[in-house]
Protein backbone atom coordinates (compact mmCIF):
# COMPACT_ATOMS: atom_id res chain seq x y z
CA UNK A 1 -8.78 124.86 -94.95
CA UNK A 2 -7.45 121.84 -93.52
CA UNK A 3 -5.21 122.30 -90.63
CA UNK A 4 -2.64 119.53 -88.89
CA UNK A 5 -5.14 118.70 -86.63
CA UNK A 6 -8.70 118.07 -87.15
CA UNK A 7 -11.34 119.59 -84.68
CA UNK A 8 -13.71 117.13 -82.50
CA UNK A 9 -16.89 116.92 -84.11
CA UNK A 10 -18.61 118.66 -81.20
CA UNK A 11 -16.99 121.64 -82.17
CA UNK A 12 -18.16 121.89 -85.86
CA UNK A 13 -21.55 123.02 -84.71
CA UNK A 14 -19.63 126.27 -83.55
CA UNK A 15 -19.97 128.05 -86.76
CA UNK A 16 -23.17 127.03 -86.84
CA UNK A 17 -23.92 128.53 -83.57
CA UNK A 18 -22.00 131.75 -84.66
CA UNK A 19 -24.02 131.84 -87.76
CA UNK A 20 -27.09 131.86 -84.94
CA UNK A 21 -25.63 134.66 -83.20
CA UNK A 22 -24.96 136.53 -86.08
CA UNK A 23 -28.20 136.50 -87.21
CA UNK A 24 -29.60 138.11 -83.65
CA UNK A 25 -26.33 140.80 -83.51
CA UNK A 26 -27.62 141.49 -87.45
CA UNK A 27 -30.86 142.94 -86.18
CA UNK A 28 -29.14 145.74 -83.94
CA UNK A 29 -26.69 146.26 -86.72
CA UNK A 30 -29.28 146.85 -89.33
CA UNK A 31 -30.83 149.63 -86.92
CA UNK A 32 -27.07 151.29 -86.84
CA UNK A 33 -27.11 151.37 -90.20
CA UNK A 34 -30.46 152.67 -90.76
CA UNK A 35 -29.42 155.42 -88.06
CA UNK A 36 -26.48 156.46 -89.69
CA UNK A 37 -27.63 156.29 -93.52
CA UNK A 38 -28.84 159.66 -93.35
CA UNK A 39 -32.25 160.46 -95.00
CA UNK A 40 -33.46 159.24 -98.46
CA UNK A 41 -32.21 162.28 -100.31
CA UNK A 42 -28.36 161.86 -98.88
CA UNK A 43 -28.22 158.32 -100.00
CA UNK A 44 -26.20 157.19 -102.97
CA UNK A 45 -27.54 154.13 -103.34
CA UNK A 46 -30.55 151.81 -102.41
CA UNK A 47 -31.28 150.52 -98.82
CA UNK A 48 -30.11 147.17 -98.00
CA UNK A 49 -32.49 144.10 -99.13
CA UNK A 50 -34.20 143.03 -96.14
CA UNK A 51 -32.44 140.59 -94.24
CA UNK A 52 -29.56 141.43 -95.96
CA UNK A 53 -27.34 143.32 -92.96
CA UNK A 54 -28.43 139.85 -90.73
CA UNK A 55 -27.44 137.42 -93.61
CA UNK A 56 -23.91 139.08 -93.80
CA UNK A 57 -23.32 139.35 -90.26
CA UNK A 58 -24.13 135.75 -89.93
CA UNK A 59 -21.53 134.61 -92.80
CA UNK A 60 -18.79 136.63 -91.63
CA UNK A 61 -18.87 135.34 -87.97
CA UNK A 62 -19.62 131.52 -89.04
CA UNK A 63 -16.43 131.74 -91.51
CA UNK A 64 -14.63 133.48 -88.38
CA UNK A 65 -15.75 130.58 -86.19
CA UNK A 66 -14.90 127.64 -89.13
CA UNK A 67 -11.37 129.30 -89.61
CA UNK A 68 -10.44 129.26 -85.47
CA UNK A 69 -11.22 125.47 -85.37
CA UNK A 70 -7.88 124.87 -87.43
CA UNK A 71 -5.65 126.98 -85.31
CA UNK A 72 -2.60 125.68 -86.94
CA UNK A 73 -1.34 125.92 -90.57
CA UNK A 74 -0.50 122.76 -92.42
CA UNK A 75 3.00 123.79 -92.35
CA UNK A 76 2.85 124.09 -88.38
CA UNK A 77 4.14 127.48 -88.43
CA UNK A 78 1.53 129.52 -87.42
CA UNK A 79 -1.87 129.60 -85.76
CA UNK A 80 -4.77 131.95 -85.84
CA UNK A 81 -5.07 134.47 -85.20
CA UNK A 82 -1.32 134.65 -84.01
CA UNK A 83 1.21 132.35 -81.84
CA UNK A 84 1.14 128.41 -81.27
CA UNK A 85 -2.35 127.34 -80.07
CA UNK A 86 -0.38 125.54 -76.85
CA UNK A 87 0.82 129.13 -76.14
CA UNK A 88 -2.43 130.29 -75.92
CA UNK A 89 -4.41 130.66 -72.51
CA UNK A 90 -8.30 130.52 -72.43
CA UNK A 91 -8.06 134.08 -71.71
CA UNK A 92 -6.11 135.27 -74.44
CA UNK A 93 -7.60 133.50 -76.69
CA UNK A 94 -10.99 134.58 -76.03
CA UNK A 95 -9.47 138.34 -76.10
CA UNK A 96 -8.40 137.84 -79.50
CA UNK A 97 -11.18 136.42 -80.79
CA UNK A 98 -13.78 138.89 -79.38
CA UNK A 99 -11.44 141.50 -81.07
CA UNK A 100 -12.21 139.74 -84.28
CA UNK A 101 -15.87 139.26 -83.98
CA UNK A 102 -15.98 142.82 -82.85
CA UNK A 103 -14.47 144.20 -86.06
CA UNK A 104 -16.17 141.86 -88.10
CA UNK A 105 -19.67 142.88 -86.99
CA UNK A 106 -18.54 147.09 -86.85
CA UNK A 107 -17.14 146.38 -90.35
CA UNK A 108 -20.21 145.20 -91.98
CA UNK A 109 -22.14 148.27 -90.36
CA UNK A 110 -19.37 150.44 -91.76
CA UNK A 111 -19.88 149.01 -95.55
CA UNK A 112 -23.29 149.15 -95.91
CA UNK A 113 -23.40 152.70 -94.41
CA UNK A 114 -20.67 153.48 -96.86
CA UNK A 115 -22.34 151.85 -99.95
CA UNK A 116 -25.44 153.85 -98.52
CA UNK A 117 -24.10 157.46 -98.11
CA UNK A 118 -20.43 157.49 -98.86
CA UNK A 119 -19.15 157.99 -95.38
CA UNK A 120 -17.68 156.03 -92.99
CA UNK A 121 -19.18 157.78 -89.50
CA UNK A 122 -16.45 158.72 -86.73
CA UNK A 123 -18.38 157.38 -83.69
CA UNK A 124 -18.48 153.48 -85.71
CA UNK A 125 -14.57 153.86 -87.02
CA UNK A 126 -13.63 154.91 -83.08
CA UNK A 127 -16.22 151.71 -81.78
CA UNK A 128 -14.18 149.52 -84.77
CA UNK A 129 -10.82 150.56 -83.17
CA UNK A 130 -11.14 150.65 -79.51
CA UNK A 131 -13.29 147.12 -79.73
CA UNK A 132 -10.30 145.56 -81.70
CA UNK A 133 -7.23 147.07 -79.98
CA UNK A 134 -8.69 146.48 -76.38
CA UNK A 135 -9.32 142.90 -76.65
CA UNK A 136 -5.95 142.35 -78.19
CA UNK A 137 -4.14 144.08 -75.58
CA UNK A 138 -6.02 141.97 -72.80
CA UNK A 139 -4.67 139.09 -75.21
CA UNK A 140 -1.00 140.02 -75.14
CA UNK A 141 -0.81 140.90 -71.57
CA UNK A 142 -2.44 137.15 -70.75
CA UNK A 143 0.22 135.55 -72.67
CA UNK A 144 2.66 137.65 -72.76
CA UNK A 145 2.44 138.11 -76.70
CA UNK A 146 4.04 141.55 -76.64
CA UNK A 147 5.59 141.04 -79.82
CA UNK A 148 1.75 140.34 -81.35
CA UNK A 149 0.58 143.64 -79.98
CA UNK A 150 3.46 145.81 -81.48
CA UNK A 151 2.70 143.98 -84.88
CA UNK A 152 -0.64 145.20 -84.18
CA UNK A 153 -0.04 148.57 -83.29
CA UNK A 154 2.65 149.19 -86.06
CA UNK A 155 0.19 147.73 -88.45
CA UNK A 156 -2.81 150.17 -87.53
CA UNK A 157 -0.22 153.17 -88.14
CA UNK A 158 1.04 151.69 -91.31
CA UNK A 159 -2.11 151.01 -93.37
CA UNK A 160 -4.08 154.13 -91.78
CA UNK A 161 -0.43 156.24 -93.05
CA UNK A 162 -0.88 154.39 -96.67
CA UNK A 163 -4.42 155.14 -96.81
CA UNK A 164 -4.02 159.33 -95.53
CA UNK A 165 -1.09 159.35 -98.43
CA UNK A 166 -4.08 157.80 -100.74
CA UNK A 167 -5.98 160.42 -99.32
CA UNK A 168 -3.90 163.26 -99.67
CA UNK A 169 -2.98 161.76 -103.40
CA UNK A 170 -6.56 161.90 -104.36
CA UNK A 171 -9.01 163.38 -102.14
CA UNK A 172 -12.20 162.94 -104.58
CA UNK A 173 -11.40 158.97 -104.62
CA UNK A 174 -10.66 158.51 -100.54
CA UNK A 175 -11.83 160.03 -97.62
CA UNK A 176 -10.54 160.75 -94.22
CA UNK A 177 -13.20 157.92 -92.68
CA UNK A 178 -11.50 155.13 -94.74
CA UNK A 179 -8.26 156.38 -93.32
CA UNK A 180 -9.83 156.01 -89.48
CA UNK A 181 -11.30 152.49 -90.46
CA UNK A 182 -7.93 151.45 -91.93
CA UNK A 183 -6.46 151.83 -88.46
CA UNK A 184 -8.43 149.26 -87.19
CA UNK A 185 -8.19 146.72 -90.20
CA UNK A 186 -4.59 147.34 -89.85
CA UNK A 187 -4.40 146.79 -86.40
CA UNK A 188 -6.30 143.10 -86.92
CA UNK A 189 -3.94 142.42 -89.67
CA UNK A 190 -0.97 143.32 -88.12
CA UNK A 191 -1.86 141.26 -85.26
CA UNK A 192 -1.33 138.57 -87.87
CA UNK A 193 2.03 139.53 -89.13
CA UNK A 194 3.41 141.58 -91.50
CA UNK A 195 2.50 139.51 -94.89
CA UNK A 196 -1.08 139.05 -93.61
CA UNK A 197 -1.26 142.70 -93.70
CA UNK A 198 0.36 143.31 -97.09
CA UNK A 199 -1.84 140.74 -98.23
CA UNK A 200 -5.11 142.02 -96.84
CA UNK A 201 -4.15 145.79 -97.88
CA UNK A 202 -3.61 144.57 -101.62
CA UNK A 203 -6.61 142.75 -101.40
CA UNK A 204 -8.68 145.76 -100.65
CA UNK A 205 -7.19 147.99 -103.38
CA UNK A 206 -7.57 145.22 -106.03
CA UNK A 207 -11.20 144.64 -105.53
CA UNK A 208 -12.23 148.20 -105.36
CA UNK A 209 -10.02 148.82 -108.41
CA UNK A 210 -11.76 145.88 -110.12
CA UNK A 211 -15.09 147.37 -109.27
CA UNK A 212 -14.32 150.69 -110.25
CA UNK A 213 -13.16 149.41 -113.78
CA UNK A 214 -15.97 147.28 -114.14
CA UNK A 215 -18.70 150.58 -113.42
CA UNK A 216 -16.24 152.71 -115.92
CA UNK A 217 -16.81 149.49 -118.61
CA UNK A 218 -20.62 149.34 -118.31
CA UNK A 219 -20.42 153.26 -118.52
CA UNK A 220 -22.18 153.88 -114.97
CA UNK A 221 -19.01 155.89 -113.18
CA UNK A 222 -16.37 157.97 -114.78
CA UNK A 223 -12.70 158.32 -113.49
CA UNK A 224 -13.82 161.02 -110.96
CA UNK A 225 -16.89 159.20 -110.05
CA UNK A 226 -16.77 158.68 -105.95
CA UNK A 227 -17.51 155.21 -104.86
CA UNK A 228 -17.52 153.21 -101.40
CA UNK A 229 -14.45 151.83 -100.58
CA UNK A 230 -14.99 150.66 -97.24
CA UNK A 231 -16.51 147.29 -98.28
CA UNK A 232 -13.71 146.67 -99.99
CA UNK A 233 -11.30 147.24 -97.33
CA UNK A 234 -13.15 144.93 -95.67
CA UNK A 235 -13.67 142.18 -97.72
CA UNK A 236 -9.79 142.50 -98.19
CA UNK A 237 -9.01 142.41 -94.79
CA UNK A 238 -11.70 139.49 -94.21
CA UNK A 239 -9.58 136.97 -97.08
CA UNK A 240 -6.56 138.25 -95.68
CA UNK A 241 -7.67 136.79 -92.13
CA UNK A 242 -9.07 134.00 -93.59
CA UNK A 243 -6.60 132.60 -95.65
CA UNK A 244 -3.60 133.92 -93.41
CA UNK A 245 -1.21 130.69 -92.65
């Protein structure tokens, strides 16, 4: 992705540093995943491959750091993660980057736990939400971006409400953990704008639907089979954030 302003060469080291930090953070994340993945008999899938949690965490943080190096879109109409770069103070920038980085790390943990036990623990979904909205609130206060903060609040409510409807329509295919996780993702996406929110929701549903369809084609699942939807929600949200213009 190319922005209207290329970053100085030293800043290009930030994705590498973010990846190294991700490897270290991923080691702690792996312990969180193991703690919430239950006993062997409770698992619906195999445990993560050695180093997988660390590698995914490093890749996600590096991708976010790389995206942050180009804050302005080619048309010069939007910045990542919201507002124009010239209007963002260091405190405001730190707040939003902390929010997105924290959500990314917790989303990785939730995705691996969901894949293992088809459950999104309340402790982790609550941590994801608080660790996202509090730094965004600090950023909004620092830069007067109350419209963005309102968008984050409404986005969280909208996406959680949408998944709640899906849960009520088909409780076997969607869990309350997905609804709670959606609140965090919706807040982050809503901070970026409604287009990004819709894109993130659509991409998550598309990825999950394609995965389910592939399993049915391969006769590894039926229409009533449960699939972990958290990873696809996270992937859809990440894709929308990285491509937000």
